Every structure is written in structure tokens, then in C-alpha cells.
Amino acid sequence: MTTDPLRDSRALWNRARLDLDSDETLAQLMDRGEITAWRELYARARTDSRLRERMHRIVLTAPLALPRFWLAALASLGVSVDYDVSLPDYDSGP
């Protein structure tokens, strides 16, 4: 029996199903997912330019716990990133 690390991620505790077309779900996985979920996101982003673009936009607009980790991951997939860009402050809250 195989499992899907994204569908089974604890990060989706408040979701009935995995919907990677939802930016909110994607951001939740990027922020709260486990390493296995992150590896799966990376693998899918490797072959999906639209997913890479959405992930990049989320890093730049949503407060994430590890935004520079995601910038580095996206850069390794060929996305042009600016490491000096100002990122949303995770600690400031809403």
C-alpha cells in the first residue's frame, strides 16, 4: 500500500482533502508540512512550472516559517530568485 505524503500531511489537519490548486492549501503545506511532504512538493515542482511559480509567489506574499529555504529550493529548480528581497514577517501576525 502506498501513501501520498501530501494527502497524509499533518499540515492539512483542517482540510477534508488535498487540493493543490488552492494557494491556501499549498501555503499550509509549505509552512507546516513534514519533510516527506516537502520532498513530494519539490518533486512535483520539478516538472510543473505553474506549481513553481505559485510557490514562489507564496514565499513572497505569505508569512512562512522558512521562506529562504523555499527560495533556495526554488532556485535549485531554475527559478530566478532574489535572496535580498523583503519577505513577509512571520512573527508580526495578522
PDB file of N, CA and C in Angstrom:
ATOM      1  N   MET A   1       0.837  -1.176   0.000  1.00  0.00           N
ATOM      2  CA  MET A   1       0.000   0.000   0.000  1.00  0.00           C
ATOM      3  C   MET A   1       0.889   1.250   0.000  1.00  0.00           C
ATOM      4  N   THR A   2       0.665   2.132  -0.945  1.00  0.00           N
ATOM      5  CA  THR A   2       1.440   3.371  -0.992  1.00  0.00           C
ATOM      6  C   THR A   2       0.605   4.507  -0.422  1.00  0.00           C
ATOM      7  N   THR A   3       1.306   5.465   0.123  1.00  0.00           N
ATOM      8  CA  THR A   3       0.622   6.628   0.680  1.00  0.00           C
ATOM      9  C   THR A   3       1.131   7.874  -0.022  1.00  0.00           C
ATOM     10  N   ASP A   4       0.353   8.912   0.018  1.00  0.00           N
ATOM     11  CA  ASP A   4       0.722  10.197  -0.565  1.00  0.00           C
ATOM     12  C   ASP A   4       1.128  11.126   0.578  1.00  0.00           C
ATOM     13  N   PRO A   5       2.417  11.497   0.643  1.00  0.00           N
ATOM     14  CA  PRO A   5       2.873  12.350   1.751  1.00  0.00           C
ATOM     15  C   PRO A   5       2.140  13.685   1.826  1.00  0.00           C
ATOM     16  N   LEU A   6       1.649  14.179   0.706  1.00  0.00           N
ATOM     17  CA  LEU A   6       0.917  15.447   0.739  1.00  0.00           C
ATOM     18  C   LEU A   6      -0.485  15.237   1.311  1.00  0.00           C
ATOM     19  N   ARG A   7      -1.176  14.254   0.798  1.00  0.00           N
ATOM     20  CA  ARG A   7      -2.540  13.982   1.267  1.00  0.00           C
ATOM     21  C   ARG A   7      -2.540  13.605   2.752  1.00  0.00           C
ATOM     22  N   ASP A   8      -1.491  12.912   3.184  1.00  0.00           N
ATOM     23  CA  ASP A   8      -1.421  12.420   4.561  1.00  0.00           C
ATOM     24  C   ASP A   8      -0.733  13.385   5.522  1.00  0.00           C
ATOM     25  N   SER A   9      -0.351  14.562   5.055  1.00  0.00           N
ATOM     26  CA  SER A   9       0.386  15.502   5.887  1.00  0.00           C
ATOM     27  C   SER A   9      -0.455  16.024   7.057  1.00  0.00           C
ATOM     28  N   ARG A  10       0.188  16.116   8.209  1.00  0.00           N
ATOM     29  CA  ARG A  10      -0.470  16.711   9.384  1.00  0.00           C
ATOM     30  C   ARG A  10      -0.800  18.183   9.139  1.00  0.00           C
ATOM     31  N   ALA A  11      -0.114  18.804   8.199  1.00  0.00           N
ATOM     32  CA  ALA A  11      -0.362  20.218   7.906  1.00  0.00           C
ATOM     33  C   ALA A  11      -1.787  20.449   7.419  1.00  0.00           C
ATOM     34  N   LEU A  12      -2.418  19.410   6.923  1.00  0.00           N
ATOM     35  CA  LEU A  12      -3.777  19.544   6.388  1.00  0.00           C
ATOM     36  C   LEU A  12      -4.821  19.064   7.392  1.00  0.00           C
ATOM     37  N   TRP A  13      -4.530  19.224   8.654  1.00  0.00           N
ATOM     38  CA  TRP A  13      -5.427  18.765   9.711  1.00  0.00           C
ATOM     39  C   TRP A  13      -6.835  19.351   9.595  1.00  0.00           C
ATOM     40  N   ASN A  14      -6.939  20.549   9.013  1.00  0.00           N
ATOM     41  CA  ASN A  14      -8.236  21.221   8.917  1.00  0.00           C
ATOM     42  C   ASN A  14      -8.848  21.136   7.523  1.00  0.00           C
ATOM     43  N   ARG A  15      -8.375  20.217   6.719  1.00  0.00           N
ATOM     44  CA  ARG A  15      -8.859  20.060   5.348  1.00  0.00           C
ATOM     45  C   ARG A  15      -9.456  18.670   5.161  1.00  0.00           C
ATOM     46  N   ALA A  16     -10.523  18.602   4.391  1.00  0.00           N
ATOM     47  CA  ALA A  16     -11.157  17.313   4.113  1.00  0.00           C
ATOM     48  C   ALA A  16     -10.393  16.551   3.028  1.00  0.00           C
ATOM     49  N   ARG A  17      -9.675  17.301   2.164  1.00  0.00           N
ATOM     50  CA  ARG A  17      -8.955  16.646   1.070  1.00  0.00           C
ATOM     51  C   ARG A  17      -7.808  17.541   0.613  1.00  0.00           C
ATOM     52  N   LEU A  18      -6.887  16.931  -0.121  1.00  0.00           N
ATOM     53  CA  LEU A  18      -5.769  17.674  -0.696  1.00  0.00           C
ATOM     54  C   LEU A  18      -6.239  18.380  -1.958  1.00  0.00           C
ATOM     55  N   ASP A  19      -6.022  19.683  -2.032  1.00  0.00           N
ATOM     56  CA  ASP A  19      -6.347  20.464  -3.226  1.00  0.00           C
ATOM     57  C   ASP A  19      -5.150  21.357  -3.541  1.00  0.00           C
ATOM     58  N   LEU A  20      -4.226  20.836  -4.364  1.00  0.00           N
ATOM     59  CA  LEU A  20      -3.020  21.604  -4.686  1.00  0.00           C
ATOM     60  C   LEU A  20      -3.298  22.792  -5.600  1.00  0.00           C
ATOM     61  N   ASP A  21      -4.524  22.907  -6.110  1.00  0.00           N
ATOM     62  CA  ASP A  21      -4.879  24.091  -6.892  1.00  0.00           C
ATOM     63  C   ASP A  21      -5.212  25.275  -5.987  1.00  0.00           C
ATOM     64  N   SER A  22      -5.331  25.021  -4.702  1.00  0.00           N
ATOM     65  CA  SER A  22      -5.613  26.068  -3.728  1.00  0.00           C
ATOM     66  C   SER A  22      -4.300  26.632  -3.194  1.00  0.00           C
ATOM     67  N   ASP A  23      -4.094  27.932  -3.361  1.00  0.00           N
ATOM     68  CA  ASP A  23      -2.887  28.574  -2.825  1.00  0.00           C
ATOM     69  C   ASP A  23      -2.849  28.470  -1.302  1.00  0.00           C
ATOM     70  N   GLU A  24      -4.006  28.514  -0.671  1.00  0.00           N
ATOM     71  CA  GLU A  24      -4.056  28.417   0.790  1.00  0.00           C
ATOM     72  C   GLU A  24      -3.569  27.038   1.252  1.00  0.00           C
ATOM     73  N   THR A  25      -3.991  25.992   0.566  1.00  0.00           N
ATOM     74  CA  THR A  25      -3.543  24.637   0.900  1.00  0.00           C
ATOM     75  C   THR A  25      -2.049  24.497   0.647  1.00  0.00           C
ATOM     76  N   LEU A  26      -1.591  25.015  -0.482  1.00  0.00           N
ATOM     77  CA  LEU A  26      -0.172  24.955  -0.818  1.00  0.00           C
ATOM     78  C   LEU A  26       0.667  25.694   0.232  1.00  0.00           C
ATOM     79  N   ALA A  27       0.228  26.872   0.621  1.00  0.00           N
ATOM     80  CA  ALA A  27       0.942  27.638   1.653  1.00  0.00           C
ATOM     81  C   ALA A  27       0.957  26.886   2.983  1.00  0.00           C
ATOM     82  N   GLN A  28      -0.140  26.249   3.312  1.00  0.00           N
ATOM     83  CA  GLN A  28      -0.218  25.495   4.561  1.00  0.00           C
ATOM     84  C   GLN A  28       0.784  24.340   4.537  1.00  0.00           C
ATOM     85  N   LEU A  29       0.901  23.648   3.398  1.00  0.00           N
ATOM     86  CA  LEU A  29       1.880  22.563   3.281  1.00  0.00           C
ATOM     87  C   LEU A  29       3.306  23.094   3.370  1.00  0.00           C
ATOM     88  N   MET A  30       3.573  24.229   2.724  1.00  0.00           N
ATOM     89  CA  MET A  30       4.909  24.808   2.748  1.00  0.00           C
ATOM     90  C   MET A  30       5.278  25.279   4.149  1.00  0.00           C
ATOM     91  N   ASP A  31       4.310  25.764   4.887  1.00  0.00           N
ATOM     92  CA  ASP A  31       4.582  26.300   6.218  1.00  0.00           C
ATOM     93  C   ASP A  31       4.608  25.219   7.293  1.00  0.00           C
ATOM     94  N   ARG A  32       3.702  24.273   7.237  1.00  0.00           N
ATOM     95  CA  ARG A  32       3.516  23.325   8.341  1.00  0.00           C
ATOM     96  C   ARG A  32       3.762  21.864   7.978  1.00  0.00           C
ATOM     97  N   GLY A  33       4.140  21.614   6.724  1.00  0.00           N
ATOM     98  CA  GLY A  33       4.320  20.231   6.294  1.00  0.00           C
ATOM     99  C   GLY A  33       5.557  19.568   6.871  1.00  0.00           C
ATOM    100  N   GLU A  34       5.569  18.257   6.813  1.00  0.00           N
ATOM    101  CA  GLU A  34       6.718  17.478   7.241  1.00  0.00           C
ATOM    102  C   GLU A  34       7.720  17.382   6.087  1.00  0.00           C
ATOM    103  N   ILE A  35       8.912  16.923   6.394  1.00  0.00           N
ATOM    104  CA  ILE A  35       9.953  16.809   5.372  1.00  0.00           C
ATOM    105  C   ILE A  35       9.505  15.903   4.220  1.00  0.00           C
ATOM    106  N   THR A  36       8.744  14.861   4.514  1.00  0.00           N
ATOM    107  CA  THR A  36       8.270  13.980   3.430  1.00  0.00           C
ATOM    108  C   THR A  36       7.302  14.723   2.510  1.00  0.00           C
ATOM    109  N   ALA A  37       6.472  15.574   3.076  1.00  0.00           N
ATOM    110  CA  ALA A  37       5.561  16.380   2.255  1.00  0.00           C
ATOM    111  C   ALA A  37       6.354  17.391   1.431  1.00  0.00           C
ATOM    112  N   TRP A  38       7.368  17.993   2.040  1.00  0.00           N
ATOM    113  CA  TRP A  38       8.195  18.963   1.317  1.00  0.00           C
ATOM    114  C   TRP A  38       8.933  18.295   0.161  1.00  0.00           C
ATOM    115  N   ARG A  39       9.425  17.089   0.394  1.00  0.00           N
ATOM    116  CA  ARG A  39      10.108  16.360  -0.688  1.00  0.00           C
ATOM    117  C   ARG A  39       9.156  16.096  -1.839  1.00  0.00           C
ATOM    118  N   GLU A  40       7.936  15.749  -1.524  1.00  0.00           N
ATOM    119  CA  GLU A  40       6.943  15.496  -2.575  1.00  0.00           C
ATOM    120  C   GLU A  40       6.600  16.784  -3.319  1.00  0.00           C
ATOM    121  N   LEU A  41       6.446  17.889  -2.601  1.00  0.00           N
ATOM    122  CA  LEU A  41       6.205  19.181  -3.264  1.00  0.00           C
ATOM    123  C   LEU A  41       7.353  19.519  -4.211  1.00  0.00           C
ATOM    124  N   TYR A  42       8.568  19.322  -3.741  1.00  0.00           N
ATOM    125  CA  TYR A  42       9.755  19.590  -4.554  1.00  0.00           C
ATOM    126  C   TYR A  42       9.750  18.717  -5.808  1.00  0.00           C
ATOM    127  N   ALA A  43       9.456  17.453  -5.648  1.00  0.00           N
ATOM    128  CA  ALA A  43       9.428  16.531  -6.789  1.00  0.00           C
ATOM    129  C   ALA A  43       8.370  16.947  -7.807  1.00  0.00           C
ATOM    130  N   ARG A  44       7.219  17.346  -7.334  1.00  0.00           N
ATOM    131  CA  ARG A  44       6.159  17.785  -8.251  1.00  0.00           C
ATOM    132  C   ARG A  44       6.525  19.115  -8.911  1.00  0.00           C
ATOM    133  N   ALA A  45       7.146  20.005  -8.149  1.00  0.00           N
ATOM    134  CA  ALA A  45       7.540  21.303  -8.703  1.00  0.00           C
ATOM    135  C   ALA A  45       8.626  21.150  -9.762  1.00  0.00           C
ATOM    136  N   ARG A  46       9.426  20.106  -9.651  1.00  0.00           N
ATOM    137  CA  ARG A  46      10.488  19.860 -10.627  1.00  0.00           C
ATOM    138  C   ARG A  46       9.923  19.778 -12.051  1.00  0.00           C
ATOM    139  N   THR A  47       8.731  19.224 -12.189  1.00  0.00           N
ATOM    140  CA  THR A  47       8.152  19.022 -13.523  1.00  0.00           C
ATOM    141  C   THR A  47       6.949  19.918 -13.802  1.00  0.00           C
ATOM    142  N   ASP A  48       6.617  20.813 -12.880  1.00  0.00           N
ATOM    143  CA  ASP A  48       5.418  21.647 -13.025  1.00  0.00           C
ATOM    144  C   ASP A  48       5.781  23.119 -12.840  1.00  0.00           C
ATOM    145  N   SER A  49       5.968  23.823 -13.947  1.00  0.00           N
ATOM    146  CA  SER A  49       6.379  25.232 -13.866  1.00  0.00           C
ATOM    147  C   SER A  49       5.315  26.095 -13.201  1.00  0.00           C
ATOM    148  N   ARG A  50       4.055  25.774 -13.398  1.00  0.00           N
ATOM    149  CA  ARG A  50       2.982  26.547 -12.764  1.00  0.00           C
ATOM    150  C   ARG A  50       3.057  26.407 -11.244  1.00  0.00           C
ATOM    151  N   LEU A  51       3.321  25.214 -10.767  1.00  0.00           N
ATOM    152  CA  LEU A  51       3.468  24.995  -9.333  1.00  0.00           C
ATOM    153  C   LEU A  51       4.667  25.772  -8.797  1.00  0.00           C
ATOM    154  N   ARG A  52       5.780  25.770  -9.524  1.00  0.00           N
ATOM    155  CA  ARG A  52       6.955  26.555  -9.098  1.00  0.00           C
ATOM    156  C   ARG A  52       6.617  28.034  -8.994  1.00  0.00           C
ATOM    157  N   GLU A  53       5.903  28.555  -9.978  1.00  0.00           N
ATOM    158  CA  GLU A  53       5.527  29.974  -9.972  1.00  0.00           C
ATOM    159  C   GLU A  53       4.629  30.298  -8.780  1.00  0.00           C
ATOM    160  N   ARG A  54       3.666  29.436  -8.510  1.00  0.00           N
ATOM    161  CA  ARG A  54       2.759  29.660  -7.382  1.00  0.00           C
ATOM    162  C   ARG A  54       3.518  29.594  -6.065  1.00  0.00           C
ATOM    163  N   MET A  55       4.419  28.633  -5.925  1.00  0.00           N
ATOM    164  CA  MET A  55       5.214  28.523  -4.709  1.00  0.00           C
ATOM    165  C   MET A  55       6.060  29.774  -4.510  1.00  0.00           C
ATOM    166  N   HIS A  56       6.651  30.274  -5.588  1.00  0.00           N
ATOM    167  CA  HIS A  56       7.472  31.482  -5.499  1.00  0.00           C
ATOM    168  C   HIS A  56       6.620  32.672  -5.058  1.00  0.00           C
ATOM    169  N   ARG A  57       5.445  32.808  -5.639  1.00  0.00           N
ATOM    170  CA  ARG A  57       4.552  33.908  -5.266  1.00  0.00           C
ATOM    171  C   ARG A  57       4.155  33.799  -3.786  1.00  0.00           C
ATOM    172  N   ILE A  58       3.891  32.587  -3.317  1.00  0.00           N
ATOM    173  CA  ILE A  58       3.510  32.390  -1.919  1.00  0.00           C
ATOM    174  C   ILE A  58       4.648  32.786  -0.989  1.00  0.00           C
ATOM    175  N   VAL A  59       5.869  32.403  -1.323  1.00  0.00           N
ATOM    176  CA  VAL A  59       7.027  32.779  -0.492  1.00  0.00           C
ATOM    177  C   VAL A  59       7.125  34.297  -0.373  1.00  0.00           C
ATOM    178  N   LEU A  60       6.839  34.990  -1.460  1.00  0.00           N
ATOM    179  CA  LEU A  60       6.973  36.447  -1.474  1.00  0.00           C
ATOM    180  C   LEU A  60       5.808  37.175  -0.810  1.00  0.00           C
ATOM    181  N   THR A  61       4.666  36.505  -0.646  1.00  0.00           N
ATOM    182  CA  THR A  61       3.477  37.205  -0.159  1.00  0.00           C
ATOM    183  C   THR A  61       2.899  36.676   1.150  1.00  0.00           C
ATOM    184  N   ALA A  62       3.200  35.442   1.517  1.00  0.00           N
ATOM    185  CA  ALA A  62       2.626  34.862   2.735  1.00  0.00           C
ATOM    186  C   ALA A  62       3.729  34.631   3.764  1.00  0.00           C
ATOM    187  N   PRO A  63       3.459  34.924   5.012  1.00  0.00           N
ATOM    188  CA  PRO A  63       4.473  34.654   6.033  1.00  0.00           C
ATOM    189  C   PRO A  63       4.649  33.145   6.228  1.00  0.00           C
ATOM    190  N   LEU A  64       5.849  32.655   5.967  1.00  0.00           N
ATOM    191  CA  LEU A  64       6.190  31.246   6.144  1.00  0.00           C
ATOM    192  C   LEU A  64       7.310  31.142   7.169  1.00  0.00           C
ATOM    193  N   ALA A  65       7.380  30.013   7.820  1.00  0.00           N
ATOM    194  CA  ALA A  65       8.422  29.820   8.829  1.00  0.00           C
ATOM    195  C   ALA A  65       9.819  29.757   8.210  1.00  0.00           C
ATOM    196  N   LEU A  66       9.942  29.213   7.013  1.00  0.00           N
ATOM    197  CA  LEU A  66      11.256  29.033   6.380  1.00  0.00           C
ATOM    198  C   LEU A  66      11.258  29.567   4.943  1.00  0.00           C
ATOM    199  N   PRO A  67      11.028  30.856   4.755  1.00  0.00           N
ATOM    200  CA  PRO A  67      10.922  31.369   3.388  1.00  0.00           C
ATOM    201  C   PRO A  67      12.218  31.241   2.589  1.00  0.00           C
ATOM    202  N   ARG A  68      13.357  31.427   3.215  1.00  0.00           N
ATOM    203  CA  ARG A  68      14.621  31.350   2.465  1.00  0.00           C
ATOM    204  C   ARG A  68      14.960  29.906   2.096  1.00  0.00           C
ATOM    205  N   PHE A  69      14.504  28.953   2.873  1.00  0.00           N
ATOM    206  CA  PHE A  69      14.604  27.536   2.497  1.00  0.00           C
ATOM    207  C   PHE A  69      13.873  27.313   1.180  1.00  0.00           C
ATOM    208  N   TRP A  70      12.658  27.851   1.091  1.00  0.00           N
ATOM    209  CA  TRP A  70      11.877  27.675  -0.132  1.00  0.00           C
ATOM    210  C   TRP A  70      12.485  28.434  -1.299  1.00  0.00           C
ATOM    211  N   LEU A  71      13.045  29.613  -1.049  1.00  0.00           N
ATOM    212  CA  LEU A  71      13.729  30.326  -2.136  1.00  0.00           C
ATOM    213  C   LEU A  71      14.897  29.499  -2.666  1.00  0.00           C
ATOM    214  N   ALA A  72      15.670  28.902  -1.778  1.00  0.00           N
ATOM    215  CA  ALA A  72      16.801  28.075  -2.203  1.00  0.00           C
ATOM    216  C   ALA A  72      16.320  26.844  -2.968  1.00  0.00           C
ATOM    217  N   ALA A  73      15.252  26.222  -2.493  1.00  0.00           N
ATOM    218  CA  ALA A  73      14.707  25.050  -3.187  1.00  0.00           C
ATOM    219  C   ALA A  73      14.237  25.442  -4.583  1.00  0.00           C
ATOM    220  N   LEU A  74      13.543  26.567  -4.687  1.00  0.00           N
ATOM    221  CA  LEU A  74      13.059  27.020  -5.989  1.00  0.00           C
ATOM    222  C   LEU A  74      14.216  27.405  -6.905  1.00  0.00           C
ATOM    223  N   ALA A  75      15.238  28.028  -6.353  1.00  0.00           N
ATOM    224  CA  ALA A  75      16.410  28.378  -7.164  1.00  0.00           C
ATOM    225  C   ALA A  75      17.063  27.118  -7.717  1.00  0.00           C
ATOM    226  N   SER A  76      17.097  26.055  -6.927  1.00  0.00           N
ATOM    227  CA  SER A  76      17.694  24.801  -7.409  1.00  0.00           C
ATOM    228  C   SER A  76      16.881  24.187  -8.538  1.00  0.00           C
ATOM    229  N   LEU A  77      15.624  24.618  -8.674  1.00  0.00           N
ATOM    230  CA  LEU A  77      14.769  24.147  -9.765  1.00  0.00           C
ATOM    231  C   LEU A  77      14.776  25.107 -10.954  1.00  0.00           C
ATOM    232  N   GLY A  78      15.613  26.125 -10.886  1.00  0.00           N
ATOM    233  CA  GLY A  78      15.750  27.041 -12.011  1.00  0.00           C
ATOM    234  C   GLY A  78      14.978  28.334 -11.915  1.00  0.00           C
ATOM    235  N   VAL A  79      14.267  28.549 -10.820  1.00  0.00           N
ATOM    236  CA  VAL A  79      13.531  29.800 -10.636  1.00  0.00           C
ATOM    237  C   VAL A  79      14.532  30.896 -10.305  1.00  0.00           C
ATOM    238  N   SER A  80      14.371  32.042 -10.939  1.00  0.00           N
ATOM    239  CA  SER A  80      15.222  33.183 -10.648  1.00  0.00           C
ATOM    240  C   SER A  80      14.719  33.838  -9.360  1.00  0.00           C
ATOM    241  N   VAL A  81      15.537  33.791  -8.322  1.00  0.00           N
ATOM    242  CA  VAL A  81      15.119  34.348  -7.034  1.00  0.00           C
ATOM    243  C   VAL A  81      16.069  35.452  -6.600  1.00  0.00           C
ATOM    244  N   ASP A  82      15.546  36.372  -5.820  1.00  0.00           N
ATOM    245  CA  ASP A  82      16.320  37.450  -5.230  1.00  0.00           C
ATOM    246  C   ASP A  82      16.390  37.180  -3.730  1.00  0.00           C
ATOM    247  N   TYR A  83      17.549  36.778  -3.258  1.00  0.00           N
ATOM    248  CA  TYR A  83      17.698  36.439  -1.847  1.00  0.00           C
ATOM    249  C   TYR A  83      17.644  37.673  -0.946  1.00  0.00           C
ATOM    250  N   ASP A  84      17.771  38.845  -1.516  1.00  0.00           N
ATOM    251  CA  ASP A  84      17.738  40.073  -0.727  1.00  0.00           C
ATOM    252  C   ASP A  84      16.344  40.695  -0.651  1.00  0.00           C
ATOM    253  N   VAL A  85      15.369  40.049  -1.259  1.00  0.00           N
ATOM    254  CA  VAL A  85      14.014  40.585  -1.284  1.00  0.00           C
ATOM    255  C   VAL A  85      13.443  40.628   0.134  1.00  0.00           C
ATOM    256  N   SER A  86      12.630  41.622   0.398  1.00  0.00           N
ATOM    257  CA  SER A  86      11.953  41.727   1.684  1.00  0.00           C
ATOM    258  C   SER A  86      10.810  40.708   1.710  1.00  0.00           C
ATOM    259  N   LEU A  87      10.767  39.915   2.770  1.00  0.00           N
ATOM    260  CA  LEU A  87       9.754  38.860   2.886  1.00  0.00           C
ATOM    261  C   LEU A  87       8.780  39.192   3.998  1.00  0.00           C
ATOM    262  N   PRO A  88       7.551  38.667   3.914  1.00  0.00           N
ATOM    263  CA  PRO A  88       6.578  38.917   4.991  1.00  0.00           C
ATOM    264  C   PRO A  88       7.119  38.458   6.331  1.00  0.00           C
ATOM    265  N   ASP A  89       6.838  39.224   7.360  1.00  0.00           N
ATOM    266  CA  ASP A  89       7.335  38.940   8.698  1.00  0.00           C
ATOM    267  C   ASP A  89       6.453  37.884   9.369  1.00  0.00           C
ATOM    268  N   TYR A  90       7.047  36.743   9.629  1.00  0.00           N
ATOM    269  CA  TYR A  90       6.320  35.623  10.229  1.00  0.00           C
ATOM    270  C   TYR A  90       5.899  35.912  11.656  1.00  0.00           C
ATOM    271  N   ASP A  91       6.680  36.679  12.354  1.00  0.00           N
ATOM    272  CA  ASP A  91       6.427  36.919  13.769  1.00  0.00           C
ATOM    273  C   ASP A  91       5.452  38.047  14.063  1.00  0.00           C
ATOM    274  N   SER A  92       5.120  38.851  13.066  1.00  0.00           N
ATOM    275  CA  SER A  92       4.269  40.003  13.340  1.00  0.00           C
ATOM    276  C   SER A  92       2.793  39.635  13.440  1.00  0.00           C
ATOM    277  N   GLY A  93       2.393  38.499  12.871  1.00  0.00           N
ATOM    278  CA  GLY A  93       0.994  38.076  12.947  1.00  0.00           C
ATOM    279  C   GLY A  93       0.123  38.913  12.040  1.00  0.00           C
ATOM    280  N   PRO A  94      -1.173  38.639  12.076  1.00  0.00           N
ATOM    281  CA  PRO A  94      -2.125  39.350  11.193  1.00  0.00           C
ATOM    282  C   PRO A  94      -2.347  40.800  11.593  1.00  0.00           C
TER     283      PRO A  94
END
